């Protein structure tokens, strides 16, 4: 059986390149800390456990350390669950709102050892009844 080889289109190459420069939060150890620079903001992200649970601070949407779920990376194609990748946008859910960041420019692992729950603000504050979607611009 002959298999026909074809060259990847430029859009396939771009998506493949995006997925090579990033991290999967769900495969990180608890309390690993990352600094994520987007086009418009800088975020500190501390992993809390499986399924994308994190503490996040940064941008207009998260001025204080906030418990959230990193839904995944958006790059114009399918969502990459629990991922942060250069060239994509982060989608984060906290309380009753979902935030989509500007494009990620860099991801740096921080050596700072922290227990994010020690100095954070209370998490159980009442939230608006209507879900808000925000874009961090």
Protein backbone atom coordinates (compact mmCIF):
# COMPACT_ATOMS: atom_id res chain seq x y z
CA UNK A 1 0.00 0.00 0.00
CA UNK A 2 1.40 3.38 -1.03
CA UNK A 3 1.04 6.24 1.39
CA UNK A 4 0.92 9.61 -0.24
CA UNK A 5 3.10 12.20 1.49
CA UNK A 6 1.96 15.78 1.56
CA UNK A 7 3.54 18.91 2.95
CA UNK A 8 1.77 20.51 5.89
CA UNK A 9 -0.05 23.73 5.12
CA UNK A 10 1.25 26.93 6.70
CA UNK A 11 -1.68 26.99 9.16
CA UNK A 12 -0.89 23.41 10.24
CA UNK A 13 2.77 24.38 10.78
CA UNK A 14 1.79 27.43 12.86
CA UNK A 15 -0.49 25.35 15.12
CA UNK A 16 2.21 22.68 15.48
CA UNK A 17 4.76 25.37 16.43
CA UNK A 18 2.39 26.85 19.04
CA UNK A 19 1.89 23.47 20.71
CA UNK A 20 5.66 22.97 21.04
CA UNK A 21 6.29 26.00 23.27
CA UNK A 22 4.26 25.64 26.43
CA UNK A 23 3.23 23.70 29.50
CA UNK A 24 0.40 21.48 30.62
CA UNK A 25 -0.68 22.65 34.08
CA UNK A 26 -2.33 19.31 34.84
CA UNK A 27 1.05 17.56 34.61
CA UNK A 28 2.82 20.00 36.97
CA UNK A 29 3.54 19.40 40.65
CA UNK A 30 1.48 21.20 43.28
CA UNK A 31 2.68 24.77 44.01
CA UNK A 32 4.80 25.11 40.86
CA UNK A 33 4.85 28.80 39.98
CA UNK A 34 4.96 30.30 36.49
CA UNK A 35 5.20 33.87 35.25
CA UNK A 36 3.25 34.29 32.02
CA UNK A 37 3.81 37.43 29.92
CA UNK A 38 0.96 38.20 27.50
CA UNK A 39 0.79 41.05 25.02
CA UNK A 40 -0.96 43.22 27.60
CA UNK A 41 -0.31 41.80 31.07
CA UNK A 42 1.89 39.67 33.31
CA UNK A 43 0.37 36.82 35.32
CA UNK A 44 1.66 34.77 38.23
CA UNK A 45 0.16 31.27 38.12
CA UNK A 46 0.56 28.75 40.94
CA UNK A 47 -0.60 25.19 40.36
CA UNK A 48 -2.89 23.65 42.98
CA UNK A 49 -3.73 20.24 41.66
CA UNK A 50 -5.27 18.24 38.88
CA UNK A 51 -7.67 19.51 36.25
CA UNK A 52 -6.19 22.99 35.92
CA UNK A 53 -6.87 24.33 39.41
CA UNK A 54 -4.59 27.34 40.00
CA UNK A 55 -4.08 30.54 41.92
CA UNK A 56 -3.65 33.46 39.54
CA UNK A 57 -2.68 37.12 39.92
CA UNK A 58 -2.21 39.69 37.18
CA UNK A 59 -3.85 41.83 34.55
CA UNK A 60 -6.97 43.88 35.21
CA UNK A 61 -9.04 40.80 35.97
CA UNK A 62 -6.93 39.36 38.80
CA UNK A 63 -5.36 42.17 40.87
CA UNK A 64 -5.21 39.84 43.92
CA UNK A 65 -4.23 36.19 44.13
CA UNK A 66 -7.43 34.40 43.07
CA UNK A 67 -8.41 30.72 42.98
CA UNK A 68 -9.36 29.77 39.43
CA UNK A 69 -9.38 27.03 36.83
CA UNK A 70 -7.18 27.28 33.78
CA UNK A 71 -9.59 26.02 31.13
CA UNK A 72 -6.88 25.92 28.49
CA UNK A 73 -5.11 27.49 25.55
CA UNK A 74 -6.98 29.00 22.60
CA UNK A 75 -5.21 29.50 19.29
CA UNK A 76 -7.98 29.67 16.71
CA UNK A 77 -8.34 25.90 16.57
CA UNK A 78 -9.41 23.37 19.17
CA UNK A 79 -8.94 24.22 22.85
CA UNK A 80 -5.85 22.70 24.46
CA UNK A 81 -7.22 21.80 27.94
CA UNK A 82 -5.13 22.91 30.95
CA UNK A 83 -2.44 24.29 28.64
CA UNK A 84 -0.49 27.53 28.43
CA UNK A 85 1.30 27.97 25.10
CA UNK A 86 3.26 30.81 23.52
CA UNK A 87 1.16 32.37 20.76
CA UNK A 88 -2.16 31.24 22.23
CA UNK A 89 -4.56 32.93 24.66
CA UNK A 90 -5.27 31.60 28.15
CA UNK A 91 -8.88 30.95 29.08
CA UNK A 92 -9.39 31.16 32.86
CA UNK A 93 -12.57 30.64 34.89
CA UNK A 94 -12.90 32.23 38.36
CA UNK A 95 -16.15 32.51 40.28
CA UNK A 96 -18.91 33.32 37.78
CA UNK A 97 -16.69 34.76 35.06
CA UNK A 98 -14.46 33.55 32.29
CA UNK A 99 -11.46 35.60 31.20
CA UNK A 100 -9.60 35.25 27.90
CA UNK A 101 -6.15 36.85 27.90
CA UNK A 102 -4.23 38.46 25.09
CA UNK A 103 -1.66 36.24 23.34
CA UNK A 104 1.02 34.63 25.49
CA UNK A 105 4.52 35.92 24.69
CA UNK A 106 6.56 33.96 27.24
CA UNK A 107 6.31 31.47 30.10
CA UNK A 108 8.92 31.38 32.84
CA UNK A 109 9.11 28.95 35.72
CA UNK A 110 9.63 30.78 38.99
CA UNK A 111 11.87 29.36 41.71
CA UNK A 112 9.80 31.01 44.41
CA UNK A 113 8.44 28.42 46.84
CA UNK A 114 5.02 29.48 48.10
CA UNK A 115 1.92 28.15 49.71
CA UNK A 116 -0.60 30.25 47.76
CA UNK A 117 -3.42 29.71 50.25
CA UNK A 118 -1.53 31.21 53.19
CA UNK A 119 -1.64 34.85 52.10
CA UNK A 120 -4.55 34.89 49.66
CA UNK A 121 -7.84 36.74 49.92
CA UNK A 122 -10.93 34.77 51.03
CA UNK A 123 -12.24 32.70 48.14
CA UNK A 124 -15.89 32.22 49.12
CA UNK A 125 -17.07 35.78 48.41
CA UNK A 126 -20.51 36.13 46.77
CA UNK A 127 -20.35 36.28 42.99
CA UNK A 128 -22.70 37.94 40.50
CA UNK A 129 -25.55 35.69 39.35
CA UNK A 130 -24.83 36.32 35.68
CA UNK A 131 -21.70 34.83 34.13
CA UNK A 132 -19.41 37.50 32.73
CA UNK A 133 -17.02 36.86 29.88
CA UNK A 134 -14.09 39.21 29.72
CA UNK A 135 -11.27 39.74 27.30
CA UNK A 136 -8.05 41.04 28.81
CA UNK A 137 -6.94 43.72 26.41
